[in-house]
């Protein structure tokens, strides 16, 4: 749980081990999907 000490959501990290390690990947995935969705919709509407 050393990584969770760096996490600001320590209560969540204590309940869900490894959650702090997934946060960066989830953030990247959400941003990528959002940008991809916006790009596709703009191309289809244009």
Protein backbone atom coordinates (compact mmCIF):
# COMPACT_ATOMS: atom_id res chain seq x y z
CA UNK A 1 0.00 0.00 0.00
CA UNK A 2 2.99 2.32 -0.40
CA UNK A 3 1.48 3.83 -3.55
CA UNK A 4 -1.68 4.72 -1.66
CA UNK A 5 0.28 7.04 0.61
CA UNK A 6 0.77 9.22 -2.45
CA UNK A 7 -2.94 9.06 -3.20
CA UNK A 8 -5.13 11.81 -1.81
CA UNK A 9 -8.08 9.43 -1.63
CA UNK A 10 -6.52 7.36 1.14
CA UNK A 11 -9.87 6.14 2.45
CA UNK A 12 -10.81 4.78 -0.96
CA UNK A 13 -7.35 3.26 -1.37
CA UNK A 14 -7.60 1.43 1.93
CA UNK A 15 -10.92 -0.07 0.83
CA UNK A 16 -9.80 -0.83 -2.72
CA UNK A 17 -6.16 -1.95 -2.89
CA UNK A 18 -4.46 -0.97 -6.12
CA UNK A 19 -7.07 1.67 -6.94
CA UNK A 20 -4.47 4.45 -6.76
CA UNK A 21 -2.37 2.66 -9.34
CA UNK A 22 -5.36 2.55 -11.71
CA UNK A 23 -6.31 6.22 -11.41
CA UNK A 24 -3.72 7.49 -13.96
CA UNK A 25 -4.69 4.78 -16.46
CA UNK A 26 -8.39 5.48 -16.01
CA UNK A 27 -7.76 9.20 -16.49
CA UNK A 28 -5.81 8.59 -19.71
CA UNK A 29 -8.53 6.23 -20.96
CA UNK A 30 -11.31 8.75 -20.25
CA UNK A 31 -9.43 11.59 -21.96
CA UNK A 32 -8.59 9.43 -24.97
CA UNK A 33 -12.17 8.24 -25.39
CA UNK A 34 -13.50 11.78 -24.96
CA UNK A 35 -11.13 13.26 -27.54
CA UNK A 36 -11.82 10.38 -29.92
CA UNK A 37 -15.58 10.80 -29.52
CA UNK A 38 -15.40 14.55 -30.09
CA UNK A 39 -13.19 14.07 -33.15
CA UNK A 40 -15.51 11.47 -34.69
CA UNK A 41 -18.66 13.50 -34.02
CA UNK A 42 -17.09 16.67 -35.45
CA UNK A 43 -15.97 14.80 -38.56
CA UNK A 44 -19.42 13.29 -39.05
CA UNK A 45 -21.20 16.59 -38.52
CA UNK A 46 -18.87 18.58 -40.77
